[in-house]
Amino acid sequence: MKTQTFELKFENGTLIIPTNIQNYFNNSQEKIKVSLTIESSSQETNNLKEEWEKWFEEVDKLKPTDAQIEIDDYQQLLIDKYRKEGLDL
């Protein structure tokens, strides 16, 4: 199977398929398989990665507490927490 690469446009939340791609689909005698790879040029991905790495580093530095909470107490504390947030259990 030969590979053909096209660039698509994305405008206002809509994927635009250019005429040359539509013509390729319409004129192809072969079975076509389409794969889509999305590349982002925004900085948001890098910032998000850095934020998660920072969070994991901080969590790794946390020291366990000496307080022991019984299972039943923990369950009750968890239920109380969610009730305060409005969850009806």
N, C-alpha and C. Protein backbone atom coordinates (compact mmCIF):
# COMPACT_ATOMS: atom_id res chain seq x y z
N MET A 1 0.86 -1.17 0.00
CA MET A 1 0.00 0.00 0.00
C MET A 1 0.90 1.23 0.00
N LYS A 2 0.66 2.13 -0.93
CA LYS A 2 1.46 3.36 -0.97
C LYS A 2 0.88 4.38 0.00
N THR A 3 1.73 5.27 0.45
CA THR A 3 1.34 6.28 1.42
C THR A 3 1.33 7.65 0.76
N GLN A 4 0.29 8.38 1.04
CA GLN A 4 0.15 9.75 0.54
C GLN A 4 -0.09 10.64 1.76
N THR A 5 0.62 11.75 1.87
CA THR A 5 0.47 12.64 3.01
C THR A 5 -0.18 13.94 2.57
N PHE A 6 -1.19 14.35 3.31
CA PHE A 6 -1.88 15.60 3.05
C PHE A 6 -1.94 16.41 4.34
N GLU A 7 -2.07 17.71 4.21
CA GLU A 7 -2.28 18.56 5.38
C GLU A 7 -3.72 19.04 5.37
N LEU A 8 -4.37 18.90 6.52
CA LEU A 8 -5.73 19.38 6.68
C LEU A 8 -5.71 20.67 7.48
N LYS A 9 -6.76 21.43 7.36
CA LYS A 9 -6.88 22.67 8.12
C LYS A 9 -7.97 22.50 9.16
N PHE A 10 -7.81 23.21 10.26
CA PHE A 10 -8.78 23.19 11.35
C PHE A 10 -9.17 24.63 11.61
N GLU A 11 -10.43 24.97 11.32
CA GLU A 11 -10.88 26.34 11.50
C GLU A 11 -12.19 26.37 12.28
N ASN A 12 -12.22 27.16 13.33
CA ASN A 12 -13.43 27.35 14.14
C ASN A 12 -14.06 26.03 14.57
N GLY A 13 -13.24 25.09 14.99
CA GLY A 13 -13.74 23.82 15.49
C GLY A 13 -14.13 22.83 14.40
N THR A 14 -13.82 23.14 13.14
CA THR A 14 -14.20 22.26 12.04
C THR A 14 -12.95 21.83 11.27
N LEU A 15 -12.87 20.55 10.99
CA LEU A 15 -11.78 20.00 10.19
C LEU A 15 -12.12 20.23 8.72
N ILE A 16 -11.26 20.93 8.00
CA ILE A 16 -11.48 21.26 6.61
C ILE A 16 -10.72 20.27 5.73
N ILE A 17 -11.43 19.58 4.84
CA ILE A 17 -10.78 18.65 3.91
C ILE A 17 -10.68 19.37 2.56
N PRO A 18 -9.46 19.73 2.15
CA PRO A 18 -9.27 20.46 0.89
C PRO A 18 -9.73 19.65 -0.32
N THR A 19 -9.98 20.36 -1.40
CA THR A 19 -10.47 19.76 -2.63
C THR A 19 -9.53 18.69 -3.17
N ASN A 20 -8.21 18.92 -3.08
CA ASN A 20 -7.26 17.93 -3.62
C ASN A 20 -7.37 16.59 -2.91
N ILE A 21 -7.70 16.61 -1.62
CA ILE A 21 -7.87 15.36 -0.88
C ILE A 21 -9.19 14.69 -1.28
N GLN A 22 -10.23 15.48 -1.41
CA GLN A 22 -11.51 14.94 -1.85
C GLN A 22 -11.36 14.29 -3.23
N ASN A 23 -10.64 14.95 -4.13
CA ASN A 23 -10.40 14.39 -5.47
C ASN A 23 -9.61 13.10 -5.39
N TYR A 24 -8.62 13.04 -4.51
CA TYR A 24 -7.83 11.82 -4.33
C TYR A 24 -8.73 10.66 -3.89
N PHE A 25 -9.62 10.94 -2.92
CA PHE A 25 -10.55 9.90 -2.46
C PHE A 25 -11.46 9.44 -3.59
N ASN A 26 -12.01 10.39 -4.32
CA ASN A 26 -12.97 10.07 -5.38
C ASN A 26 -12.33 9.34 -6.56
N ASN A 27 -11.07 9.61 -6.84
CA ASN A 27 -10.42 9.03 -8.02
C ASN A 27 -9.60 7.78 -7.71
N SER A 28 -9.47 7.43 -6.47
CA SER A 28 -8.65 6.28 -6.10
C SER A 28 -9.39 4.99 -6.43
N GLN A 29 -8.67 4.06 -7.05
CA GLN A 29 -9.23 2.75 -7.38
C GLN A 29 -8.96 1.74 -6.27
N GLU A 30 -8.11 2.13 -5.33
CA GLU A 30 -7.70 1.23 -4.25
C GLU A 30 -8.53 1.48 -2.99
N LYS A 31 -8.48 0.50 -2.11
CA LYS A 31 -9.10 0.68 -0.80
C LYS A 31 -8.24 1.69 -0.03
N ILE A 32 -8.89 2.63 0.63
CA ILE A 32 -8.17 3.71 1.33
C ILE A 32 -8.30 3.54 2.83
N LYS A 33 -7.18 3.67 3.51
CA LYS A 33 -7.15 3.69 4.97
C LYS A 33 -6.62 5.06 5.38
N VAL A 34 -7.34 5.73 6.28
CA VAL A 34 -6.95 7.08 6.69
C VAL A 34 -6.51 7.05 8.14
N SER A 35 -5.34 7.62 8.41
CA SER A 35 -4.84 7.79 9.78
C SER A 35 -4.66 9.27 10.01
N LEU A 36 -4.91 9.69 11.24
CA LEU A 36 -4.81 11.11 11.56
C LEU A 36 -3.80 11.31 12.68
N THR A 37 -2.82 12.16 12.45
CA THR A 37 -1.85 12.52 13.48
C THR A 37 -2.04 14.00 13.77
N ILE A 38 -2.16 14.32 15.04
CA ILE A 38 -2.37 15.72 15.42
C ILE A 38 -1.11 16.23 16.10
N GLU A 39 -0.59 17.33 15.59
CA GLU A 39 0.58 17.97 16.17
C GLU A 39 0.17 19.35 16.65
N SER A 40 0.56 19.68 17.85
CA SER A 40 0.22 20.98 18.40
C SER A 40 1.49 21.80 18.54
N SER A 41 1.40 23.04 18.14
CA SER A 41 2.57 23.92 18.28
C SER A 41 2.44 24.81 19.50
N SER A 42 1.43 24.57 20.32
CA SER A 42 1.23 25.45 21.46
C SER A 42 2.17 25.08 22.61
N GLN A 43 2.38 26.03 23.46
CA GLN A 43 3.23 25.86 24.63
C GLN A 43 2.49 25.16 25.77
N GLU A 44 1.15 25.06 25.66
CA GLU A 44 0.36 24.51 26.75
C GLU A 44 0.79 23.10 27.12
N THR A 45 1.10 22.28 26.13
CA THR A 45 1.49 20.90 26.39
C THR A 45 2.75 20.86 27.23
N ASN A 46 3.73 21.68 26.88
CA ASN A 46 4.98 21.71 27.64
C ASN A 46 4.75 22.21 29.06
N ASN A 47 3.91 23.24 29.20
CA ASN A 47 3.63 23.78 30.53
C ASN A 47 2.94 22.74 31.39
N LEU A 48 2.01 22.02 30.82
CA LEU A 48 1.28 20.99 31.55
C LEU A 48 2.23 19.89 32.00
N LYS A 49 3.13 19.49 31.12
CA LYS A 49 4.11 18.47 31.46
C LYS A 49 5.00 18.94 32.61
N GLU A 50 5.45 20.17 32.53
CA GLU A 50 6.31 20.73 33.58
C GLU A 50 5.57 20.80 34.92
N GLU A 51 4.30 21.20 34.87
CA GLU A 51 3.51 21.28 36.10
C GLU A 51 3.35 19.91 36.76
N TRP A 52 3.07 18.88 35.94
CA TRP A 52 2.93 17.52 36.50
C TRP A 52 4.26 17.03 37.06
N GLU A 53 5.36 17.30 36.36
CA GLU A 53 6.67 16.88 36.87
C GLU A 53 6.97 17.55 38.21
N LYS A 54 6.64 18.83 38.30
CA LYS A 54 6.86 19.57 39.55
C LYS A 54 6.00 18.96 40.67
N TRP A 55 4.75 18.64 40.36
CA TRP A 55 3.86 18.05 41.36
C TRP A 55 4.41 16.72 41.85
N PHE A 56 4.86 15.85 40.91
CA PHE A 56 5.40 14.55 41.31
C PHE A 56 6.66 14.71 42.16
N GLU A 57 7.50 15.68 41.83
CA GLU A 57 8.70 15.92 42.63
C GLU A 57 8.32 16.32 44.05
N GLU A 58 7.32 17.20 44.18
CA GLU A 58 6.88 17.64 45.51
C GLU A 58 6.26 16.49 46.29
N VAL A 59 5.50 15.65 45.62
CA VAL A 59 4.89 14.50 46.30
C VAL A 59 5.98 13.53 46.77
N ASP A 60 7.00 13.34 45.96
CA ASP A 60 8.10 12.44 46.35
C ASP A 60 8.81 12.94 47.60
N LYS A 61 8.79 14.26 47.84
CA LYS A 61 9.46 14.83 49.01
C LYS A 61 8.61 14.77 50.27
N LEU A 62 7.33 14.46 50.12
CA LEU A 62 6.45 14.41 51.29
C LEU A 62 6.88 13.30 52.24
N LYS A 63 6.77 13.59 53.51
CA LYS A 63 7.11 12.58 54.52
C LYS A 63 5.82 12.01 55.08
N PRO A 64 5.79 10.71 55.28
CA PRO A 64 4.57 10.12 55.85
C PRO A 64 4.32 10.64 57.26
N THR A 65 3.06 10.76 57.62
CA THR A 65 2.72 11.22 58.96
C THR A 65 2.73 10.04 59.92
N ASP A 66 2.90 10.35 61.19
CA ASP A 66 2.90 9.31 62.21
C ASP A 66 1.48 8.91 62.61
N ALA A 67 0.52 9.74 62.25
CA ALA A 67 -0.86 9.48 62.67
C ALA A 67 -1.40 8.24 61.98
N GLN A 68 -1.96 7.37 62.76
CA GLN A 68 -2.60 6.18 62.23
C GLN A 68 -4.11 6.37 62.33
N ILE A 69 -4.78 6.21 61.24
CA ILE A 69 -6.24 6.35 61.23
C ILE A 69 -6.82 4.96 61.01
N GLU A 70 -7.72 4.60 61.88
CA GLU A 70 -8.40 3.31 61.74
C GLU A 70 -9.25 3.32 60.47
N ILE A 71 -9.42 2.14 59.88
CA ILE A 71 -10.20 2.01 58.66
C ILE A 71 -11.60 2.59 58.84
N ASP A 72 -12.28 2.23 59.91
CA ASP A 72 -13.64 2.73 60.13
C ASP A 72 -13.66 4.25 60.26
N ASP A 73 -12.65 4.80 60.95
CA ASP A 73 -12.57 6.25 61.10
C ASP A 73 -12.35 6.91 59.74
N TYR A 74 -11.49 6.32 58.93
CA TYR A 74 -11.20 6.88 57.61
C TYR A 74 -12.46 6.88 56.75
N GLN A 75 -13.19 5.79 56.76
CA GLN A 75 -14.42 5.72 55.98
C GLN A 75 -15.40 6.80 56.43
N GLN A 76 -15.53 6.97 57.73
CA GLN A 76 -16.46 7.98 58.25
C GLN A 76 -15.99 9.38 57.88
N LEU A 77 -14.69 9.64 58.00
CA LEU A 77 -14.15 10.95 57.62
C LEU A 77 -14.41 11.25 56.14
N LEU A 78 -14.25 10.23 55.30
CA LEU A 78 -14.47 10.39 53.87
C LEU A 78 -15.95 10.68 53.59
N ILE A 79 -16.82 9.93 54.23
CA ILE A 79 -18.26 10.15 54.05
C ILE A 79 -18.65 11.55 54.53
N ASP A 80 -18.12 11.97 55.68
CA ASP A 80 -18.42 13.31 56.21
C ASP A 80 -17.96 14.39 55.24
N LYS A 81 -16.79 14.19 54.67
CA LYS A 81 -16.24 15.16 53.71
C LYS A 81 -17.19 15.34 52.53
N TYR A 82 -17.65 14.23 51.96
CA TYR A 82 -18.52 14.33 50.79
C TYR A 82 -19.90 14.87 51.16
N ARG A 83 -20.38 14.60 52.35
CA ARG A 83 -21.65 15.17 52.79
C ARG A 83 -21.56 16.68 52.90
N LYS A 84 -20.41 17.18 53.38
CA LYS A 84 -20.21 18.63 53.48
C LYS A 84 -20.23 19.28 52.10
N GLU A 85 -19.82 18.52 51.09
CA GLU A 85 -19.81 19.05 49.72
C GLU A 85 -21.17 18.88 49.04
N GLY A 86 -22.14 18.35 49.78
CA GLY A 86 -23.48 18.27 49.24
C GLY A 86 -23.88 16.91 48.67
N LEU A 87 -23.02 15.93 48.75
CA LEU A 87 -23.35 14.60 48.24
C LEU A 87 -24.23 13.89 49.24
N ASP A 88 -25.36 13.39 48.78
CA ASP A 88 -26.28 12.68 49.68
C ASP A 88 -25.98 11.20 49.63
N LEU A 89 -25.44 10.67 50.71
CA LEU A 89 -25.09 9.25 50.75
C LEU A 89 -26.10 8.47 51.54
